[in-house]
Amino acid sequence: MNIVGIGNTGCSIAQKFEQYKQFKVFKINNETIPEYKTPEEYELNYKNIVLDLEDEMTVVLSGEEIINGMLLRFLEQYKDVEIKVLYIKPDLKFLTNTQKAMEKVVYNVLQEYTRSAKIKFISITDLKLVSEVVGKVALKERQDKIFSTFATSYYMKNMFENIESVYEKIIDTPSTYCITSLGIMDFDSGEENLFFPIDNVREKVYYYYINKETLNNDTELFDKIEQQISSKFLENMTISFAIYESPHEESTVYIEHKSPYIQG
């Protein structure tokens, strides 16, 4: 699988995938292409970027960076490749007016591209919400830990989709449920920490990553999971879940919320 980071934030997150052998990582920033002062210059001066891709790529970016002026031309260059997007929603109060305008355009255009099936899905993330999962860490470690936690969540989602489960109830997801966000749920309390508050959720997916001892010895485990899942249902919503064996002592639940609707 191919991860393509665009801009400073996108490349920093993409770098976290280098630890996983399943991913080939590419970085597009001002170390790999010329630097310009405006989004318009990035678009006008765009030259094809040759990447050794096969048939898919996951693009990681934060919408406010002016390098995104070349984004639509880049996506057009790779229109025959299956494209997925990991979109980092920046904190608007720390942006200039130019950055806010850039972010608004990129955010809306990528969602429209997703709705029209030019992009397979867009997963939206607010790093402030990821930091709530991370908890209190030293300042020098904070950003690195946030980026790693997010990258791990996406890695786990992909892993679960490609390995055999212990038990599952999976519903076929309509391709229109293409605007999503990842998150983590506390296995004991059932408290969810979503990385972005998706509106009009139409499907929730729960990946239970349970340690071997619990799977082998806890006779009430299935009832607990069924009760948790039942408590998550809302009107006009479906839920899928799967249970996997974890080699770790702590059990974790990774989650994904999906919607067919543009997010504000």
Protein backbone atom coordinates (compact mmCIF):
# COMPACT_ATOMS: atom_id res chain seq x y z
CA MET A 1 0.00 0.00 0.00
CA ASN A 2 1.18 3.49 -0.83
CA ILE A 3 1.10 6.46 1.55
CA VAL A 4 1.67 9.88 -0.03
CA GLY A 5 2.26 12.76 2.37
CA ILE A 6 1.67 16.27 1.02
CA GLY A 7 3.00 19.29 2.92
CA ASN A 8 4.72 19.43 6.28
CA THR A 9 1.99 17.81 8.36
CA GLY A 10 1.16 15.20 5.73
CA CYS A 11 4.80 14.18 5.36
CA SER A 12 5.34 14.02 9.13
CA ILE A 13 2.38 11.66 9.48
CA ALA A 14 3.35 9.66 6.40
CA GLN A 15 6.76 9.08 7.95
CA LYS A 16 5.09 7.17 10.80
CA PHE A 17 4.01 4.50 8.30
CA GLU A 18 7.62 3.69 7.41
CA GLN A 19 7.76 1.30 10.37
CA TYR A 20 5.16 -0.94 8.70
CA LYS A 21 6.47 -3.14 5.90
CA GLN A 22 3.07 -3.14 4.19
CA PHE A 23 3.40 0.55 3.30
CA LYS A 24 5.55 2.33 0.75
CA VAL A 25 5.88 5.99 1.75
CA PHE A 26 6.27 9.01 -0.55
CA LYS A 27 6.71 12.63 0.54
CA ILE A 28 5.80 15.74 -1.41
CA ASN A 29 7.03 18.92 0.24
CA ASN A 30 9.49 21.72 -0.39
CA GLU A 31 12.35 19.29 -0.19
CA THR A 32 11.00 17.41 -3.21
CA ILE A 33 9.37 20.19 -5.28
CA PRO A 34 10.14 23.93 -5.61
CA GLU A 35 8.76 26.30 -2.98
CA TYR A 36 6.37 29.10 -3.96
CA LYS A 37 4.66 31.88 -2.03
CA THR A 38 1.06 31.39 -3.15
CA PRO A 39 -1.29 28.47 -3.94
CA GLU A 40 -1.71 29.88 -7.45
CA GLU A 41 2.01 29.56 -8.12
CA TYR A 42 1.96 25.91 -7.03
CA GLU A 43 -0.84 25.26 -9.51
CA LEU A 44 0.64 27.23 -12.41
CA ASN A 45 4.13 25.76 -12.02
CA TYR A 46 3.04 22.17 -11.42
CA LYS A 47 5.09 19.52 -13.18
CA ASN A 48 4.12 15.87 -13.13
CA ILE A 49 5.32 14.09 -10.00
CA VAL A 50 6.46 10.57 -10.85
CA LEU A 51 5.72 8.07 -8.08
CA ASP A 52 6.29 4.33 -8.29
CA LEU A 53 2.66 3.40 -7.60
CA GLU A 54 0.70 0.35 -8.63
CA ASP A 55 -3.07 0.77 -8.42
CA GLU A 56 -3.82 2.72 -5.24
CA MET A 57 -2.60 5.43 -2.89
CA THR A 58 -3.61 7.05 0.39
CA VAL A 59 -2.95 10.79 0.42
CA VAL A 60 -2.29 12.47 3.80
CA LEU A 61 -2.54 16.25 4.10
CA SER A 62 -3.60 19.20 6.21
CA GLY A 63 -5.84 21.56 4.28
CA GLU A 64 -4.36 24.96 5.14
CA GLU A 65 -0.88 24.49 3.63
CA ILE A 66 -0.35 26.52 0.45
CA ILE A 67 1.40 23.59 -1.24
CA ASN A 68 -2.15 22.24 -1.69
CA GLY A 69 -2.44 24.65 -4.62
CA MET A 70 -1.04 21.79 -6.69
CA LEU A 71 -3.37 19.18 -5.19
CA LEU A 72 -6.03 19.03 -7.90
CA ARG A 73 -3.44 18.78 -10.65
CA PHE A 74 -1.71 16.00 -8.72
CA LEU A 75 -4.98 14.11 -8.28
CA GLU A 76 -5.78 14.57 -11.97
CA GLN A 77 -2.39 13.10 -12.85
CA TYR A 78 -3.29 9.97 -10.88
CA LYS A 79 -6.99 9.80 -11.77
CA ASP A 80 -6.62 6.16 -12.88
CA VAL A 81 -5.34 5.15 -9.43
CA GLU A 82 -7.67 4.31 -6.52
CA ILE A 83 -7.31 7.32 -4.22
CA LYS A 84 -8.06 7.49 -0.49
CA VAL A 85 -7.54 10.60 1.60
CA LEU A 86 -6.57 11.10 5.24
CA TYR A 87 -7.53 14.71 5.85
CA ILE A 88 -6.21 16.63 8.86
CA LYS A 89 -8.62 19.37 9.92
CA PRO A 90 -6.53 22.22 11.33
CA ASP A 91 -7.45 24.49 14.23
CA LEU A 92 -8.94 27.46 12.36
CA LYS A 93 -8.26 30.01 15.09
CA PHE A 94 -4.52 29.70 14.50
CA LEU A 95 -4.74 30.28 10.73
CA THR A 96 -4.29 33.41 8.66
CA ASN A 97 -7.12 34.51 6.37
CA THR A 98 -5.23 33.06 3.40
CA GLN A 99 -4.83 29.73 5.17
CA LYS A 100 -8.50 29.68 6.16
CA ALA A 101 -9.54 30.28 2.56
CA MET A 102 -7.16 27.54 1.38
CA GLU A 103 -8.47 25.07 3.94
CA LYS A 104 -12.12 25.76 3.10
CA VAL A 105 -11.55 25.13 -0.59
CA VAL A 106 -9.49 21.96 -0.09
CA TYR A 107 -11.87 20.53 2.53
CA ASN A 108 -14.98 21.05 0.42
CA VAL A 109 -13.44 20.01 -2.90
CA LEU A 110 -12.07 16.75 -1.49
CA GLN A 111 -15.45 15.87 -0.04
CA GLU A 112 -17.16 16.63 -3.36
CA TYR A 113 -14.59 14.49 -5.17
CA THR A 114 -15.34 11.71 -2.70
CA ARG A 115 -19.08 11.99 -3.18
CA SER A 116 -18.60 11.79 -6.94
CA ALA A 117 -16.42 8.65 -6.54
CA LYS A 118 -13.23 10.26 -7.81
CA ILE A 119 -11.89 9.48 -4.33
CA LYS A 120 -12.82 6.18 -2.66
CA PHE A 121 -13.14 7.68 0.82
CA ILE A 122 -11.98 10.59 2.92
CA SER A 123 -11.20 10.05 6.60
CA ILE A 124 -11.30 13.32 8.55
CA THR A 125 -9.21 13.86 11.68
CA ASP A 126 -8.94 16.65 14.23
CA LEU A 127 -5.58 16.17 15.94
CA LYS A 128 -6.90 17.85 19.09
CA LEU A 129 -9.24 14.89 19.51
CA VAL A 130 -6.40 12.44 18.88
CA SER A 131 -4.50 14.19 21.68
CA GLU A 132 -7.33 13.32 24.07
CA VAL A 133 -6.63 9.64 23.36
CA VAL A 134 -2.90 10.18 23.85
CA GLY A 135 -3.39 11.91 27.21
CA LYS A 136 -0.73 13.91 29.03
CA VAL A 137 2.78 13.55 27.62
CA ALA A 138 5.89 15.72 27.68
CA LEU A 139 5.74 18.68 25.29
CA LYS A 140 8.66 17.45 23.15
CA GLU A 141 6.95 14.09 22.68
CA ARG A 142 3.40 15.35 22.19
CA GLN A 143 3.24 15.89 18.43
CA ASP A 144 5.18 12.72 17.67
CA LYS A 145 2.84 10.69 19.89
CA ILE A 146 -0.27 12.22 18.29
CA PHE A 147 0.97 11.49 14.76
CA SER A 148 1.94 7.93 15.75
CA THR A 149 -1.43 7.24 17.38
CA PHE A 150 -3.29 8.37 14.29
CA ALA A 151 -1.04 6.40 11.93
CA THR A 152 -1.41 3.28 14.07
CA SER A 153 -5.20 3.55 13.95
CA TYR A 154 -5.20 3.64 10.15
CA TYR A 155 -2.70 0.80 10.01
CA MET A 156 -4.89 -1.30 12.31
CA LYS A 157 -8.01 -0.65 10.24
CA ASN A 158 -6.18 -1.90 7.15
CA MET A 159 -4.80 -4.90 9.01
CA PHE A 160 -8.24 -5.95 10.26
CA GLU A 161 -9.63 -5.78 6.74
CA ASN A 162 -6.95 -8.23 5.58
CA ILE A 163 -6.76 -10.83 8.36
CA GLU A 164 -9.15 -13.50 9.63
CA SER A 165 -11.34 -12.62 12.58
CA VAL A 166 -12.30 -14.85 15.51
CA TYR A 167 -15.93 -13.80 15.03
CA GLU A 168 -17.66 -11.16 12.95
CA LYS A 169 -20.94 -9.65 11.91
CA ILE A 170 -20.02 -7.50 8.93
CA ILE A 171 -22.55 -5.68 6.78
CA ASP A 172 -21.67 -4.69 3.22
CA THR A 173 -21.09 -0.95 3.28
CA PRO A 174 -22.68 1.13 0.50
CA SER A 175 -19.98 2.92 -1.48
CA THR A 176 -21.77 6.20 -0.75
CA TYR A 177 -20.80 5.91 2.95
CA CYS A 178 -17.48 7.41 2.00
CA ILE A 179 -16.95 10.29 4.44
CA THR A 180 -15.53 8.80 7.61
CA SER A 181 -13.50 9.19 10.77
CA LEU A 182 -11.51 6.77 12.89
CA GLY A 183 -11.35 6.51 16.65
CA ILE A 184 -10.74 4.33 19.68
CA MET A 185 -13.23 2.95 22.22
CA ASP A 186 -12.42 1.95 25.78
CA PHE A 187 -13.14 -1.78 25.98
CA ASP A 188 -14.28 -1.71 29.61
CA SER A 189 -16.45 1.42 29.66
CA GLY A 190 -17.56 1.56 26.02
CA GLU A 191 -16.60 5.25 25.89
CA GLU A 192 -15.78 6.33 22.34
CA ASN A 193 -13.08 8.81 21.35
CA LEU A 194 -13.71 9.68 17.72
CA PHE A 195 -11.04 11.61 15.84
CA PHE A 196 -13.67 13.84 14.22
CA PRO A 197 -17.37 14.31 15.10
CA ILE A 198 -19.03 12.94 11.97
CA ASP A 199 -22.59 14.25 11.43
CA ASN A 200 -25.40 12.05 10.10
CA VAL A 201 -23.60 8.78 10.80
CA ARG A 202 -25.13 5.92 8.84
CA GLU A 203 -22.74 3.11 9.81
CA LYS A 204 -20.43 2.35 12.70
CA VAL A 205 -17.73 -0.33 12.58
CA TYR A 206 -16.11 -1.79 15.70
CA TYR A 207 -12.88 -3.78 15.55
CA TYR A 208 -12.39 -5.59 18.88
CA TYR A 209 -8.72 -6.43 19.44
CA ILE A 210 -8.90 -8.77 22.44
CA ASN A 211 -6.00 -10.42 24.24
CA LYS A 212 -5.66 -14.20 23.97
CA GLU A 213 -6.31 -14.96 27.63
CA THR A 214 -9.63 -13.11 27.60
CA LEU A 215 -10.69 -14.82 24.37
CA ASN A 216 -9.91 -18.25 25.83
CA ASN A 217 -11.25 -17.84 29.37
CA ASP A 218 -13.87 -15.10 29.64
CA THR A 219 -17.22 -16.88 29.29
CA GLU A 220 -19.10 -13.56 29.46
CA LEU A 221 -17.07 -11.82 26.74
CA PHE A 222 -19.53 -12.33 23.90
CA ASP A 223 -22.46 -11.10 26.00
CA LYS A 224 -20.49 -8.00 26.98
CA ILE A 225 -19.66 -7.20 23.36
CA GLU A 226 -23.25 -7.76 22.23
CA GLN A 227 -24.50 -5.43 24.98
CA GLN A 228 -21.97 -2.78 24.00
CA ILE A 229 -22.92 -3.01 20.34
CA SER A 230 -26.65 -2.92 21.11
CA SER A 231 -26.20 0.30 23.09
CA LYS A 232 -24.63 2.00 20.05
CA PHE A 233 -27.58 1.66 17.68
CA LEU A 234 -29.45 4.77 16.59
CA GLU A 235 -32.25 5.26 14.07
CA ASN A 236 -31.24 4.94 10.40
CA MET A 237 -27.91 3.36 11.31
CA THR A 238 -26.25 0.00 10.79
CA ILE A 239 -23.42 -1.49 12.84
CA SER A 240 -20.74 -3.99 11.92
CA PHE A 241 -18.28 -5.56 14.33
CA ALA A 242 -15.50 -8.12 14.32
CA ILE A 243 -13.35 -9.69 17.02
CA TYR A 244 -9.63 -10.35 16.57
CA GLU A 245 -6.97 -11.93 18.75
CA SER A 246 -4.40 -9.49 20.09
CA PRO A 247 -0.86 -10.44 21.19
CA HIS A 248 -0.90 -7.54 23.66
CA GLU A 249 -1.99 -7.65 27.28
CA GLU A 250 -4.41 -4.75 26.91
CA SER A 251 -7.53 -5.10 24.78
CA THR A 252 -8.40 -2.22 22.44
CA VAL A 253 -11.38 -1.39 20.25
CA TYR A 254 -10.81 0.59 17.05
CA ILE A 255 -13.83 2.29 15.56
CA GLU A 256 -14.92 3.95 12.34
CA HIS A 257 -17.98 6.14 11.73
CA LYS A 258 -19.27 6.58 8.18
CA SER A 259 -21.63 9.00 6.47
CA PRO A 260 -22.74 9.74 2.91
CA TYR A 261 -23.08 13.45 3.71
CA ILE A 262 -20.73 16.41 3.34
CA GLN A 263 -19.35 17.51 6.70
CA GLY A 264 -19.24 21.11 7.85
